[in-house]
Amino acid sequence: MSAVLDDMDSRPGSTTSLLRTVVGLYMREAGGWMATKDIVALMEALGTSGTVTRTALGRLRKKGVLVPDTRSGLAGFTLTPGAASMLARGDRRIFTPRTMAPTDPWCLVSFSIPETERDMRHQLRRRLYWIGCGTVAAGLWICPDTLRGEVEEILADLQLRSMATIFVTQPPLPGGGLKETAAKWWDLDALAQLHRDFIREHSSAVASPEGSAGAGPSAEAFATYVRSIDRWRIIPYLDPGLPASFLPDDWPGIDAAGLFSKIVELYAVPSAEFVGNLVGVSVT
C-alpha cells in the first residue's frame, strides 16, 4: 500500500489535523521546507503549545508526510514525495468542489474478494467511502465517473485490480425515486450535517466587521482561514457532488460551498501574507 494516504482519520480541529492543514497550505509555497521554530510559531497562532506541536510533528513523520531536514543549522521538516502528491490531490478536492449534471456518466465498481483477503476488502471499502463512493450492494459501489481515475489508483495500490470490474454507465434507473435511492446509497443525512456544521461554525468569518471590510495579514486572519480549511477539507471527499435530482430539497451544500468560497476570497491572501512575514519567504 502507498506510504501516504489522504488523511481522513485526524479529527478536524485537533492539533494533528490543524498541523496537517498548515503544512498542506504553506510548506510547498515556502519552498518545500520549514524550520521547526516557524512551524511552532504558526501553531501557537492557533493556540497550540510548542510541546503539543512537536508531538503532532512526530505523528506526521510516522504517517510518512514529513521528514526531518536541517538547513543552515536550523532544524526543520520537508515533505516526502508521496505527501506532495497527496496534498496536490487534496488541493483539487478542497478548492474545486465537484458537481454533477443530470446526464453525466457514472462509474460502477464491482468486486468479489475472498474471505482470505478480508483485510484488503475492508481497506477497499474504507477507501472507496472516503473518496465519496456510494454503496449499492456489498460488492457494488457507485460514484461519478470523474472519480474513476482515483478508483483505479486505489485498486492498483491495494493490488485488487484483477478482482474488480469497472463499468461506465448512464444515470441509474432505480425502481424507486432517485432521492430515496440516493439516501440508501450515501449517508446524505450525515453529509448534510457536515455542511450545516460548517455553516454554523464559520459563517461569523464573513459576518464580522473584519470579514466584511477585508482582513489584513494577522494571526487572527491566519487562524480564521486555517480553521475554516481544516473543517472544510473532509467535506469535498465525502460529498460526491450529486445532481440536484438526487438530493433533498433543503440540501445545504450550495450554501456551504458559497460560504467557503467567500472565506477563501477574504482570508487566503492575508493569511498567506502573515505566514510569509513569519517565515521570511513569500507564500502567496
Protein backbone atom coordinates (compact mmCIF):
# COMPACT_ATOMS: atom_id res chain seq x y z
CA MET A 1 0.00 0.00 0.00
CA SER A 2 1.02 3.63 -0.51
CA ALA A 3 3.06 5.21 2.26
CA VAL A 4 0.90 8.33 2.23
CA LEU A 5 -2.88 8.32 2.01
CA ASP A 6 -5.35 11.18 2.20
CA ASP A 7 -5.57 11.91 5.91
CA MET A 8 -9.20 11.39 6.92
CA ASP A 9 -8.54 9.96 10.37
CA SER A 10 -7.47 13.11 12.18
CA ARG A 11 -10.41 14.87 13.81
CA PRO A 12 -10.91 18.39 12.37
CA GLY A 13 -9.75 20.93 14.93
CA SER A 14 -7.29 18.54 16.57
CA THR A 15 -3.63 19.51 16.70
CA THR A 16 -2.61 16.86 14.18
CA SER A 17 -5.34 17.89 11.76
CA LEU A 18 -4.54 21.61 12.07
CA LEU A 19 -0.83 20.95 11.60
CA ARG A 20 -1.53 18.87 8.52
CA THR A 21 -3.66 21.73 7.18
CA VAL A 22 -0.90 24.28 7.83
CA VAL A 23 1.62 22.02 6.10
CA GLY A 24 -0.73 21.48 3.16
CA LEU A 25 -1.43 25.17 2.71
CA TYR A 26 2.03 26.66 3.12
CA MET A 27 5.01 24.29 3.14
CA ARG A 28 5.09 23.81 -0.63
CA GLU A 29 4.75 27.54 -1.25
CA ALA A 30 7.59 28.15 1.22
CA GLY A 31 9.92 26.04 -0.90
CA GLY A 32 9.02 22.62 0.50
CA TRP A 33 10.80 23.16 3.82
CA MET A 34 10.04 24.93 7.09
CA ALA A 35 12.09 25.43 10.23
CA THR A 36 10.66 23.73 13.29
CA LYS A 37 10.65 27.03 15.16
CA ASP A 38 8.47 28.60 12.45
CA ILE A 39 6.06 25.67 12.47
CA VAL A 40 5.79 26.01 16.24
CA ALA A 41 5.15 29.76 15.91
CA LEU A 42 2.39 29.18 13.36
CA MET A 43 0.73 26.60 15.57
CA GLU A 44 0.98 28.98 18.54
CA ALA A 45 -1.16 31.38 16.50
CA LEU A 46 -3.74 28.59 16.52
CA GLY A 47 -3.50 28.25 20.31
CA THR A 48 -1.25 25.17 20.41
CA SER A 49 1.84 24.93 22.58
CA GLY A 50 5.25 24.00 21.23
CA THR A 51 5.28 20.72 23.16
CA VAL A 52 1.98 19.60 21.67
CA THR A 53 3.06 20.73 18.19
CA ARG A 54 6.25 18.67 18.39
CA THR A 55 4.19 15.61 19.32
CA ALA A 56 1.97 16.22 16.29
CA LEU A 57 5.06 16.59 14.08
CA GLY A 58 6.08 13.13 15.25
CA ARG A 59 2.70 11.78 14.16
CA LEU A 60 3.08 13.27 10.68
CA ARG A 61 6.54 11.69 10.48
CA LYS A 62 5.04 8.28 11.26
CA LYS A 63 2.37 8.83 8.61
CA GLY A 64 5.07 9.48 6.02
CA VAL A 65 4.09 13.12 5.47
CA LEU A 66 7.23 14.83 6.82
CA VAL A 67 10.89 14.01 7.25
CA PRO A 68 13.40 15.92 9.40
CA ASP A 69 15.70 18.17 7.38
CA THR A 70 18.29 20.53 8.88
CA ARG A 71 19.25 23.53 6.75
CA SER A 72 21.73 26.27 7.57
CA GLY A 73 21.94 24.91 11.08
CA LEU A 74 18.17 25.11 11.60
CA ALA A 75 16.16 22.01 12.43
CA GLY A 76 13.15 21.67 10.19
CA PHE A 77 10.98 19.42 8.08
CA THR A 78 10.38 18.77 4.41
CA LEU A 79 7.61 16.93 2.61
CA THR A 80 8.03 13.40 1.35
CA PRO A 81 7.34 12.89 -2.39
CA GLY A 82 4.26 10.85 -1.55
CA ALA A 83 2.94 13.62 0.69
CA ALA A 84 3.38 16.20 -2.05
CA SER A 85 1.23 14.08 -4.37
CA MET A 86 -1.36 13.58 -1.65
CA LEU A 87 -1.55 17.32 -0.96
CA ALA A 88 -1.90 18.15 -4.66
CA ARG A 89 -4.80 15.69 -4.82
CA GLY A 90 -6.31 17.42 -1.81
CA ASP A 91 -5.98 20.84 -3.44
CA ARG A 92 -8.17 19.73 -6.31
CA ARG A 93 -10.84 18.48 -3.94
CA ILE A 94 -10.79 21.37 -1.49
CA PHE A 95 -10.71 24.29 -3.88
CA THR A 96 -12.68 22.81 -6.80
CA PRO A 97 -15.73 21.08 -5.31
CA ARG A 98 -17.39 18.52 -7.56
CA THR A 99 -20.82 18.95 -9.07
CA MET A 100 -22.61 16.56 -11.43
CA ALA A 101 -25.01 17.40 -14.22
CA PRO A 102 -28.06 15.11 -14.51
CA THR A 103 -26.72 13.46 -17.68
CA ASP A 104 -23.10 12.99 -16.59
CA PRO A 105 -21.80 9.39 -16.68
CA TRP A 106 -21.36 7.24 -13.58
CA CYS A 107 -18.78 4.68 -12.54
CA LEU A 108 -19.79 1.33 -11.05
CA VAL A 109 -17.20 -0.76 -9.20
CA SER A 110 -18.00 -4.44 -8.83
CA PHE A 111 -15.64 -6.62 -6.80
CA SER A 112 -15.50 -10.09 -5.30
CA ILE A 113 -12.70 -10.59 -2.78
CA PRO A 114 -12.22 -13.93 -0.99
CA GLU A 115 -12.52 -14.21 2.78
CA THR A 116 -8.78 -14.89 2.99
CA GLU A 117 -8.27 -11.30 1.80
CA ARG A 118 -10.89 -9.74 4.07
CA ASP A 119 -8.44 -7.12 5.39
CA MET A 120 -7.88 -5.88 1.83
CA ARG A 121 -11.64 -5.95 1.28
CA HIS A 122 -12.08 -3.75 4.34
CA GLN A 123 -9.38 -1.37 3.14
CA LEU A 124 -11.01 -1.13 -0.28
CA ARG A 125 -14.44 -0.34 1.13
CA ARG A 126 -12.96 2.20 3.52
CA ARG A 127 -11.05 4.00 0.81
CA LEU A 128 -13.95 3.98 -1.65
CA TYR A 129 -16.10 5.53 1.06
CA TRP A 130 -13.51 8.23 1.73
CA ILE A 131 -13.50 9.40 -1.90
CA GLY A 132 -17.28 9.75 -2.00
CA CYS A 133 -18.46 6.43 -3.41
CA GLY A 134 -21.91 5.11 -2.51
CA THR A 135 -22.85 1.53 -1.69
CA VAL A 136 -25.40 -0.10 -4.00
CA ALA A 137 -24.63 -3.55 -2.55
CA ALA A 138 -21.79 -5.12 -0.55
CA GLY A 139 -19.72 -5.75 -3.68
CA LEU A 140 -21.11 -2.99 -5.89
CA TRP A 141 -20.21 0.68 -5.38
CA ILE A 142 -21.10 3.79 -7.38
CA CYS A 143 -19.53 7.20 -7.92
CA PRO A 144 -19.35 9.97 -10.52
CA ASP A 145 -17.22 8.89 -13.47
CA THR A 146 -14.88 11.80 -12.70
CA LEU A 147 -13.64 9.66 -9.79
CA ARG A 148 -12.80 6.65 -11.95
CA GLY A 149 -9.10 7.53 -12.01
CA GLU A 150 -8.97 7.57 -8.22
CA VAL A 151 -10.84 4.27 -8.07
CA GLU A 152 -8.23 2.77 -10.42
CA GLU A 153 -5.43 4.11 -8.21
CA ILE A 154 -7.00 2.57 -5.10
CA LEU A 155 -7.47 -0.83 -6.76
CA ALA A 156 -3.91 -0.81 -8.08
CA ASP A 157 -2.50 0.34 -4.74
CA LEU A 158 -4.27 -2.50 -2.91
CA GLN A 159 -3.32 -4.97 -5.69
CA LEU A 160 -7.00 -5.82 -6.19
CA ARG A 161 -7.49 -4.72 -9.79
CA SER A 162 -7.84 -8.30 -11.02
CA MET A 163 -10.72 -8.84 -8.58
CA ALA A 164 -12.75 -5.85 -9.73
CA THR A 165 -14.68 -4.78 -12.81
CA ILE A 166 -15.43 -1.16 -13.58
CA PHE A 167 -18.46 -0.11 -15.62
CA VAL A 168 -19.09 3.35 -17.06
CA THR A 169 -22.83 3.87 -17.22
CA GLN A 170 -25.61 6.32 -17.91
CA PRO A 171 -27.56 7.68 -14.90
CA PRO A 172 -29.07 4.84 -12.86
CA LEU A 173 -32.74 3.91 -13.17
CA PRO A 174 -33.76 2.67 -9.72
CA GLY A 175 -37.14 1.11 -9.01
CA GLY A 176 -37.92 3.85 -6.51
CA GLY A 177 -37.38 7.59 -6.67
CA LEU A 178 -33.90 8.97 -7.20
CA LYS A 179 -33.85 10.89 -3.92
CA GLU A 180 -34.97 7.88 -1.89
CA THR A 181 -32.44 5.63 -3.63
CA ALA A 182 -29.54 8.08 -3.22
CA ALA A 183 -30.29 8.28 0.51
CA LYS A 184 -29.75 4.50 0.68
CA TRP A 185 -26.50 4.54 -1.30
CA TRP A 186 -24.98 7.51 0.52
CA ASP A 187 -25.47 8.73 4.08
CA LEU A 188 -26.97 12.02 2.95
CA ASP A 189 -28.11 12.94 6.45
CA ALA A 190 -24.54 12.78 7.72
CA LEU A 191 -23.27 14.75 4.71
CA ALA A 192 -25.92 17.42 5.19
CA GLN A 193 -24.93 17.71 8.84
CA LEU A 194 -21.29 18.28 7.85
CA HIS A 195 -22.40 21.15 5.62
CA ARG A 196 -24.64 22.62 8.32
CA ASP A 197 -21.89 22.35 10.93
CA PHE A 198 -19.54 24.24 8.64
CA ILE A 199 -22.09 26.99 8.10
CA ARG A 200 -22.81 27.25 11.82
CA GLU A 201 -19.18 27.31 12.89
CA HIS A 202 -17.73 29.59 10.20
CA SER A 203 -20.40 31.98 8.98
CA SER A 204 -19.13 34.54 11.51
CA ALA A 205 -15.92 34.83 9.46
CA VAL A 206 -17.79 36.74 6.74
CA ALA A 207 -20.30 38.42 9.04
CA SER A 208 -17.68 40.07 11.28
CA PRO A 209 -16.53 43.65 10.62
CA GLU A 210 -13.07 42.29 9.75
CA GLY A 211 -14.53 39.86 7.24
CA SER A 212 -16.89 42.34 5.60
CA ALA A 213 -14.20 45.02 5.35
CA GLY A 214 -11.42 42.70 4.22
CA ALA A 215 -8.89 41.16 6.60
CA GLY A 216 -5.28 42.28 6.82
CA PRO A 217 -2.30 39.99 7.49
CA SER A 218 -2.59 38.96 11.12
CA ALA A 219 -2.57 35.96 13.41
CA GLU A 220 -6.36 36.28 13.62
CA ALA A 221 -6.80 36.14 9.83
CA PHE A 222 -4.43 33.17 9.67
CA ALA A 223 -6.32 31.32 12.42
CA THR A 224 -9.70 32.02 10.81
CA TYR A 225 -8.54 30.75 7.44
CA VAL A 226 -6.72 27.64 8.67
CA ARG A 227 -9.57 26.56 10.92
CA SER A 228 -12.04 27.02 8.06
CA ILE A 229 -9.92 24.94 5.68
CA ASP A 230 -9.39 22.31 8.35
CA ARG A 231 -13.13 21.91 8.88
CA TRP A 232 -13.98 22.06 5.17
CA ARG A 233 -11.32 19.78 3.70
CA ILE A 234 -13.04 16.49 4.56
CA ILE A 235 -16.40 17.52 3.08
CA PRO A 236 -15.37 17.52 -0.63
CA TYR A 237 -14.01 14.00 -0.18
CA LEU A 238 -17.20 12.55 1.27
CA ASP A 239 -19.64 14.59 -0.82
CA PRO A 240 -19.68 13.27 -4.42
CA GLY A 241 -21.48 16.38 -5.72
CA LEU A 242 -24.67 14.60 -6.74
CA PRO A 243 -27.13 16.23 -9.16
CA ALA A 244 -29.99 18.17 -7.55
CA SER A 245 -32.43 15.46 -8.62
CA PHE A 246 -30.69 13.07 -6.18
CA LEU A 247 -30.72 15.44 -3.22
CA PRO A 248 -33.28 16.62 -0.65
CA ASP A 249 -34.95 19.93 -1.42
CA ASP A 250 -33.31 21.59 1.60
CA TRP A 251 -29.79 20.41 0.71
CA PRO A 252 -27.29 22.79 2.43
CA GLY A 253 -24.31 22.01 0.21
CA ILE A 254 -24.71 25.02 -2.08
CA ASP A 255 -24.82 27.45 0.85
CA ALA A 256 -21.82 25.79 2.49
CA ALA A 257 -19.77 25.90 -0.72
CA GLY A 258 -20.68 29.55 -1.21
CA LEU A 259 -19.58 30.37 2.34
CA PHE A 260 -16.30 28.53 1.83
CA SER A 261 -15.60 30.43 -1.40
CA LYS A 262 -16.24 33.72 0.38
CA ILE A 263 -13.86 32.80 3.21
CA VAL A 264 -11.15 31.95 0.68
CA GLU A 265 -11.76 35.26 -1.09
CA LEU A 266 -11.46 37.24 2.15
CA TYR A 267 -8.75 35.39 4.05
CA ALA A 268 -6.45 33.42 1.72
CA VAL A 269 -4.19 36.35 0.84
CA PRO A 270 -3.89 37.96 4.30
CA SER A 271 -3.28 34.54 5.85
CA ALA A 272 -0.52 33.80 3.32
CA GLU A 273 1.00 37.23 3.95
CA PHE A 274 1.06 36.55 7.69
CA VAL A 275 2.84 33.24 7.10
CA GLY A 276 5.28 34.84 4.66
CA ASN A 277 6.14 37.56 7.15
CA LEU A 278 6.76 34.99 9.85
CA VAL A 279 8.89 32.53 7.86
CA GLY A 280 10.59 35.19 5.75
CA VAL A 281 9.52 33.67 2.42
CA SER A 282 6.66 34.71 0.15
CA VAL A 283 3.91 32.07 0.13
CA THR A 284 1.27 33.98 -1.85
